[in-house]
Amino acid sequence: MTDTPARLLQLLSLLQTPREWPGGELADRLGVSRRTVRRDVDRLRELGYPVQATLGADGGYRLVAGKAMPPLVLDDEEAVAIAVGLRAGAGHAVDGVEEASVRALAKLEQVLPSRLRHRVATLQAATMPLVGPWRGDGATVDPHTLTVMASAVTGKERLRFDYRKGDGSESRRQVEPYRLVSTGRRWYLVAYDIEREDWRTFRVDRVENPFATGSRFAARELPAQNAAEFVSRSLNRMQPELDLDVTFEAPADFVAARLTGMGTPVPLGEARCRLRARVTESLEWVAVRLALVDCEFAVASPVALTEYLADLGGRITRAAGPGLG
């Protein structure tokens, strides 16, 4: 590669991958000599990029943290992911980062190519957040699936896809997509199911082969104030309510910080507290959350939770043993 600026950008993109690059491998990737690689590394250092070199037969280079944040080189997918994340932060993310998110988003969108700006706007316009305890297990979602769905929502275009229910049964669905809803770790599609003639909530991680049919539709009236409320009601119907009564051998503020969204513990002295709350999370997830509080605790109710904890504790103890037999 004879174009020095283009070569420097490609070198920078490679170095931003969190690994050490042997000089010979960089030379092969860039189509230049190792001497040219060394000169290019020196140029990056002069521009403020902290490139660290290691000694050895082949020598290696890596980009390390410096005193200042240098410019980054992003591919299309990385730029879209960051822009969508910043938009979320600007509107409804962690308290205290909204202003910084807006500033960073303004800088990024100023230089985004129009094709990427359209993708970001399409995905953002088709989604909304859901605040509550239904964060889910972080199941992986294919970005292509989200993009196809977002485009169908924005364009009011009917959507076909294969869907796998929680019991493993599969079906082919044709829907009129209304909105995508994010709970933080899980995505849902709110849509009108044409064959079933009713509104449905679909977990996006259970969707395969989404296909926009090209058939347009007139928007129907959603039987809820908004899509987030509809998903919230759907999840409440699916999740059994649990009436918790748990005593912790730890201060109330310590427990409250680790059980956000599950109620307020009442102090029973300086080093003990009691939590009474009604939650709609699964039994399994509640058991794990209690165990992660990192203190001794006793469950008075429900009985099903006590039994599940006993079974879970037995399995964990056996897993920590020398073997399964």
Protein backbone atom coordinates (compact mmCIF):
# COMPACT_ATOMS: atom_id res chain seq x y z
CA MET A 1 0.00 0.00 0.00
CA THR A 2 1.69 3.21 -1.19
CA ASP A 3 -0.90 5.74 0.04
CA THR A 4 0.62 6.79 3.38
CA PRO A 5 -2.51 8.39 4.98
CA ALA A 6 -4.66 5.39 4.02
CA ARG A 7 -2.00 3.02 5.30
CA LEU A 8 -1.78 4.86 8.62
CA LEU A 9 -5.54 4.62 9.07
CA GLN A 10 -5.47 0.88 8.33
CA LEU A 11 -2.57 0.42 10.75
CA LEU A 12 -4.45 2.36 13.42
CA SER A 13 -7.56 0.24 12.87
CA LEU A 14 -5.51 -2.93 13.35
CA LEU A 15 -3.79 -1.63 16.48
CA GLN A 16 -7.14 -0.74 18.05
CA THR A 17 -7.90 -4.46 18.21
CA PRO A 18 -7.00 -5.43 21.82
CA ARG A 19 -4.03 -7.70 21.05
CA GLU A 20 -0.30 -7.51 20.32
CA TRP A 21 0.62 -7.44 16.64
CA PRO A 22 3.98 -8.90 15.53
CA GLY A 23 5.80 -6.56 13.17
CA GLY A 24 5.94 -9.21 10.46
CA GLU A 25 2.17 -9.75 10.56
CA LEU A 26 1.50 -6.02 10.32
CA ALA A 27 3.88 -5.78 7.36
CA ASP A 28 2.04 -8.62 5.60
CA ARG A 29 -1.36 -7.06 6.29
CA LEU A 30 -0.29 -3.67 4.96
CA GLY A 31 1.82 -5.00 2.07
CA VAL A 32 4.95 -3.11 3.15
CA SER A 33 8.31 -3.85 4.75
CA ARG A 34 8.90 -4.09 8.49
CA ARG A 35 10.98 -0.93 8.25
CA THR A 36 7.98 0.92 6.84
CA VAL A 37 5.85 -0.41 9.70
CA ARG A 38 8.35 1.00 12.20
CA ARG A 39 8.28 4.40 10.47
CA ASP A 40 4.45 4.38 10.43
CA VAL A 41 4.36 3.52 14.14
CA ASP A 42 6.65 6.50 14.80
CA ARG A 43 4.25 8.74 12.83
CA LEU A 44 1.30 7.54 14.93
CA ARG A 45 3.25 8.32 18.10
CA GLU A 46 3.94 11.84 16.81
CA LEU A 47 0.17 12.24 16.31
CA GLY A 48 -0.44 11.32 19.95
CA TYR A 49 -1.25 7.61 19.68
CA PRO A 50 0.50 5.67 22.50
CA VAL A 51 1.85 2.66 20.57
CA GLN A 52 3.90 0.34 22.76
CA ALA A 53 6.62 -1.85 21.25
CA THR A 54 7.99 -5.08 22.75
CA LEU A 55 11.38 -6.61 22.12
CA GLY A 56 11.86 -10.06 20.67
CA ALA A 57 12.68 -11.98 17.52
CA ASP A 58 9.68 -10.58 15.69
CA GLY A 59 8.87 -7.57 17.83
CA GLY A 60 5.30 -6.61 18.65
CA TYR A 61 3.09 -3.53 18.81
CA ARG A 62 -0.06 -2.67 20.74
CA LEU A 63 -2.08 0.48 21.37
CA VAL A 64 -2.15 1.28 25.09
CA ALA A 65 -3.90 3.85 27.24
CA GLY A 66 -2.31 7.30 27.13
CA LYS A 67 -2.79 10.61 28.89
CA ALA A 68 -5.38 11.79 26.34
CA MET A 69 -8.10 10.07 24.31
CA PRO A 70 -6.85 9.78 20.69
CA PRO A 71 -9.20 9.67 17.69
CA LEU A 72 -10.72 6.25 16.99
CA VAL A 73 -11.24 4.45 13.70
CA LEU A 74 -14.60 2.62 13.57
CA ASP A 75 -16.11 0.32 10.97
CA ASP A 76 -19.77 0.72 9.95
CA GLU A 77 -21.18 -1.74 12.50
CA GLU A 78 -19.16 -0.25 15.38
CA ALA A 79 -20.25 3.30 14.49
CA VAL A 80 -23.95 2.32 14.38
CA ALA A 81 -23.70 0.40 17.68
CA ILE A 82 -22.05 3.33 19.47
CA ALA A 83 -24.52 5.87 18.06
CA VAL A 84 -27.52 3.79 19.16
CA GLY A 85 -26.00 3.32 22.62
CA LEU A 86 -25.31 7.03 22.98
CA ARG A 87 -28.88 7.89 21.99
CA ALA A 88 -30.10 5.53 24.68
CA GLY A 89 -27.77 7.13 27.21
CA ALA A 90 -28.92 10.60 26.25
CA GLY A 91 -32.53 9.75 26.94
CA HIS A 92 -32.95 7.08 29.55
CA ALA A 93 -29.74 5.48 30.71
CA VAL A 94 -27.62 5.78 33.84
CA ASP A 95 -28.26 8.92 35.87
CA GLY A 96 -25.59 11.55 35.34
CA VAL A 97 -24.38 10.55 31.86
CA GLU A 98 -27.13 12.15 29.76
CA GLU A 99 -25.24 15.39 29.04
CA ALA A 100 -22.02 13.58 28.15
CA SER A 101 -23.98 11.20 25.90
CA VAL A 102 -25.54 14.14 24.04
CA ARG A 103 -22.14 15.77 23.47
CA ALA A 104 -20.55 12.55 22.25
CA LEU A 105 -23.55 11.76 20.04
CA ALA A 106 -23.40 15.20 18.43
CA LYS A 107 -19.72 14.70 17.56
CA LEU A 108 -20.32 11.24 16.13
CA GLU A 109 -23.42 12.06 14.08
CA GLN A 110 -21.64 15.08 12.59
CA VAL A 111 -19.25 12.75 10.76
CA LEU A 112 -21.51 9.74 10.17
CA PRO A 113 -22.08 9.01 6.46
CA SER A 114 -25.71 9.46 5.43
CA ARG A 115 -26.22 5.71 4.95
CA LEU A 116 -25.19 5.04 8.57
CA ARG A 117 -27.14 8.01 9.91
CA HIS A 118 -30.26 6.53 8.29
CA ARG A 119 -29.63 3.12 9.89
CA VAL A 120 -29.20 4.69 13.33
CA ALA A 121 -32.34 6.80 12.96
CA THR A 122 -34.37 3.82 11.73
CA LEU A 123 -33.38 1.59 14.64
CA GLN A 124 -33.89 4.35 17.20
CA ALA A 125 -37.30 5.39 15.87
CA ALA A 126 -38.57 1.82 16.02
CA THR A 127 -37.55 1.13 19.62
CA MET A 128 -38.42 2.29 23.11
CA PRO A 129 -37.22 1.36 26.62
CA LEU A 130 -39.11 -0.55 29.30
CA VAL A 131 -38.20 0.38 32.87
CA GLY A 132 -38.89 -2.33 35.42
CA PRO A 133 -37.73 -5.70 36.75
CA TRP A 134 -38.05 -7.59 33.44
CA ARG A 135 -34.39 -7.33 32.42
CA GLY A 136 -34.12 -10.95 31.25
CA ASP A 137 -31.10 -13.18 30.88
CA GLY A 138 -29.22 -11.32 28.15
CA ALA A 139 -30.05 -13.79 25.36
CA THR A 140 -28.14 -13.01 22.18
CA VAL A 141 -29.99 -11.18 19.42
CA ASP A 142 -28.80 -11.08 15.81
CA PRO A 143 -28.24 -7.41 14.83
CA HIS A 144 -29.56 -8.21 11.35
CA THR A 145 -32.84 -9.36 12.89
CA LEU A 146 -33.18 -6.07 14.77
CA THR A 147 -32.39 -4.06 11.64
CA VAL A 148 -34.97 -5.91 9.54
CA MET A 149 -37.62 -5.50 12.23
CA ALA A 150 -36.83 -1.82 12.78
CA SER A 151 -37.13 -1.11 9.07
CA ALA A 152 -40.47 -2.93 8.91
CA VAL A 153 -41.76 -0.97 11.92
CA THR A 154 -40.70 2.34 10.43
CA GLY A 155 -42.04 1.54 6.97
CA LYS A 156 -45.29 -0.09 8.24
CA GLU A 157 -44.45 -3.24 6.29
CA ARG A 158 -45.74 -6.72 7.10
CA LEU A 159 -43.18 -9.11 8.49
CA ARG A 160 -42.79 -12.90 8.24
CA PHE A 161 -40.56 -14.96 10.53
CA ASP A 162 -40.11 -18.32 12.22
CA TYR A 163 -40.85 -18.21 15.95
CA ARG A 164 -39.90 -20.61 18.76
CA LYS A 165 -42.04 -20.45 21.90
CA GLY A 166 -40.77 -21.10 25.42
CA ASP A 167 -41.92 -24.74 25.27
CA GLY A 168 -39.87 -25.33 22.12
CA SER A 169 -42.77 -25.43 19.65
CA GLU A 170 -42.17 -23.60 16.38
CA SER A 171 -44.48 -21.74 14.03
CA ARG A 172 -44.43 -19.41 11.05
CA ARG A 173 -45.84 -15.96 11.80
CA GLN A 174 -46.99 -13.05 9.67
CA VAL A 175 -47.44 -9.83 11.62
CA GLU A 176 -47.92 -6.10 11.40
CA PRO A 177 -44.99 -4.85 13.49
CA TYR A 178 -45.76 -1.95 15.82
CA ARG A 179 -42.66 -1.28 17.93
CA LEU A 180 -39.48 -2.84 19.32
CA VAL A 181 -39.09 -2.64 23.10
CA SER A 182 -35.81 -3.04 24.97
CA THR A 183 -35.69 -4.07 28.64
CA GLY A 184 -31.92 -3.62 28.84
CA ARG A 185 -30.93 -7.27 28.33
CA ARG A 186 -33.76 -8.50 26.15
CA TRP A 187 -35.67 -7.27 23.09
CA TYR A 188 -39.39 -7.69 22.36
CA LEU A 189 -41.43 -7.04 19.23
CA VAL A 190 -44.98 -5.78 19.73
CA ALA A 191 -47.04 -6.72 16.67
CA TYR A 192 -50.51 -7.62 15.45
CA ASP A 193 -50.60 -11.32 14.51
CA ILE A 194 -52.64 -11.56 11.31
CA GLU A 195 -53.54 -15.27 11.54
CA ARG A 196 -54.47 -15.10 15.24
CA GLU A 197 -56.21 -11.74 14.81
CA ASP A 198 -54.76 -10.35 18.02
CA TRP A 199 -51.87 -8.39 19.44
CA ARG A 200 -48.80 -10.37 20.51
CA THR A 201 -45.42 -9.87 22.19
CA PHE A 202 -42.50 -11.76 20.62
CA ARG A 203 -39.06 -12.29 22.13
CA VAL A 204 -36.64 -11.22 19.42
CA ASP A 205 -33.98 -13.80 20.42
CA ARG A 206 -36.54 -16.52 19.50
CA VAL A 207 -37.12 -15.09 16.01
CA GLU A 208 -35.40 -16.58 12.97
CA ASN A 209 -35.40 -15.71 9.27
CA PRO A 210 -37.27 -12.38 9.48
CA PHE A 211 -38.45 -11.20 6.08
CA ALA A 212 -40.17 -7.94 5.16
CA THR A 213 -42.90 -8.88 2.66
CA GLY A 214 -43.22 -5.48 1.01
CA SER A 215 -46.93 -5.39 1.83
CA ARG A 216 -47.89 -2.13 3.55
CA PHE A 217 -50.56 -1.83 6.23
CA ALA A 218 -52.54 0.87 7.98
CA ALA A 219 -51.55 1.22 11.64
CA ARG A 220 -53.99 -0.32 14.12
CA GLU A 221 -54.77 1.12 17.53
CA LEU A 222 -52.69 -0.55 20.20
CA PRO A 223 -54.77 -1.63 23.25
CA ALA A 224 -52.37 0.14 25.63
CA GLN A 225 -50.94 3.59 26.21
CA ASN A 226 -47.71 2.60 24.46
CA ALA A 227 -45.68 -0.46 23.48
CA ALA A 228 -43.68 -0.53 26.73
CA GLU A 229 -46.89 -0.70 28.77
CA PHE A 230 -48.19 -3.49 26.52
CA VAL A 231 -45.00 -5.55 27.04
CA SER A 232 -45.12 -4.87 30.77
CA ARG A 233 -48.69 -6.18 30.99
CA SER A 234 -47.80 -9.23 28.90
CA LEU A 235 -44.85 -10.09 31.13
CA ASN A 236 -46.95 -9.63 34.26
CA ARG A 237 -49.46 -12.16 32.92
CA MET A 238 -46.71 -14.67 32.16
CA GLN A 239 -44.75 -14.30 35.40
CA PRO A 240 -46.21 -15.73 38.62
CA GLU A 241 -46.22 -13.32 41.55
CA LEU A 242 -43.99 -14.23 44.47
CA ASP A 243 -44.60 -12.89 47.98
CA LEU A 244 -41.12 -12.70 49.50
CA ASP A 245 -40.29 -12.71 53.18
CA VAL A 246 -36.51 -12.87 53.62
CA THR A 247 -34.24 -11.96 56.53
CA PHE A 248 -30.64 -10.93 55.80
CA GLU A 249 -27.68 -10.86 58.17
CA ALA A 250 -26.52 -7.53 56.76
CA PRO A 251 -27.44 -3.82 57.01
CA ALA A 252 -30.51 -2.68 55.07
CA ASP A 253 -28.58 -0.27 52.82
CA PHE A 254 -26.12 -3.06 51.90
CA VAL A 255 -28.97 -5.37 50.83
CA ALA A 256 -30.97 -2.64 49.08
CA ALA A 257 -27.99 -1.73 46.89
CA ARG A 258 -27.80 -5.34 45.66
CA LEU A 259 -31.52 -5.97 45.20
CA THR A 260 -32.63 -2.90 43.24
CA GLY A 261 -36.18 -3.20 41.96
CA MET A 262 -37.21 -5.83 44.51
CA GLY A 263 -38.50 -3.66 47.32
CA THR A 264 -37.05 -1.87 50.36
CA PRO A 265 -35.52 -3.87 53.23
CA VAL A 266 -36.54 -2.83 56.75
CA PRO A 267 -33.70 -2.59 59.31
CA LEU A 268 -33.77 -5.03 62.25
CA GLY A 269 -30.90 -3.41 64.08
CA GLU A 270 -27.57 -2.32 62.63
CA ALA A 271 -26.55 -5.61 61.01
CA ARG A 272 -29.86 -7.29 60.09
CA CYS A 273 -32.84 -6.46 57.90
CA ARG A 274 -36.03 -7.98 56.52
CA LEU A 275 -37.46 -7.79 53.01
CA ARG A 276 -41.16 -8.24 52.39
CA ALA A 277 -42.12 -7.68 48.77
CA ARG A 278 -44.23 -8.95 45.90
CA VAL A 279 -42.20 -9.56 42.75
CA THR A 280 -43.03 -10.86 39.28
CA GLU A 281 -39.62 -12.30 38.43
CA SER A 282 -39.10 -16.03 37.95
CA LEU A 283 -38.40 -18.25 40.94
CA GLU A 284 -35.01 -19.19 39.51
CA TRP A 285 -33.93 -15.60 38.96
CA VAL A 286 -35.04 -14.53 42.45
CA ALA A 287 -33.01 -17.38 43.98
CA VAL A 288 -29.89 -16.32 42.08
CA ARG A 289 -30.34 -12.66 43.03
CA LEU A 290 -30.68 -13.54 46.71
CA ALA A 291 -27.56 -15.69 46.57
CA LEU A 292 -25.60 -12.84 44.97
CA VAL A 293 -26.33 -10.45 47.84
CA ASP A 294 -23.23 -11.99 49.45
CA CYS A 295 -24.46 -12.43 53.01
CA GLU A 296 -26.32 -14.99 55.11
CA PHE A 297 -30.10 -14.98 54.64
CA ALA A 298 -33.18 -17.02 55.56
CA VAL A 299 -36.32 -17.37 53.45
CA ALA A 300 -39.62 -17.55 55.35
CA SER A 301 -41.74 -17.58 52.19
CA PRO A 302 -42.63 -18.66 49.64
CA VAL A 303 -42.08 -22.36 50.29
CA ALA A 304 -41.35 -23.00 46.60
CA LEU A 305 -38.38 -20.63 46.82
CA THR A 306 -37.05 -22.38 49.91
CA GLU A 307 -37.25 -25.74 48.15
CA TYR A 308 -35.59 -24.41 45.02
CA LEU A 309 -32.73 -22.87 47.04
CA ALA A 310 -32.16 -26.20 48.80
CA ASP A 311 -31.99 -28.00 45.46
CA LEU A 312 -29.76 -25.31 43.96
CA GLY A 313 -27.44 -25.38 46.96
CA GLY A 314 -27.09 -29.15 46.66
CA ARG A 315 -26.20 -28.93 42.98
CA ILE A 316 -23.63 -26.20 43.60
CA THR A 317 -22.06 -28.21 46.45
CA ARG A 318 -21.78 -31.28 44.23
CA ALA A 319 -20.32 -29.21 41.41
CA ALA A 320 -17.60 -27.96 43.76
CA GLY A 321 -16.70 -31.56 44.74
CA PRO A 322 -14.05 -33.80 43.15
CA GLY A 323 -16.41 -35.11 40.47
CA LEU A 324 -19.89 -36.26 39.56
CA GLY A 325 -19.19 -39.90 40.32
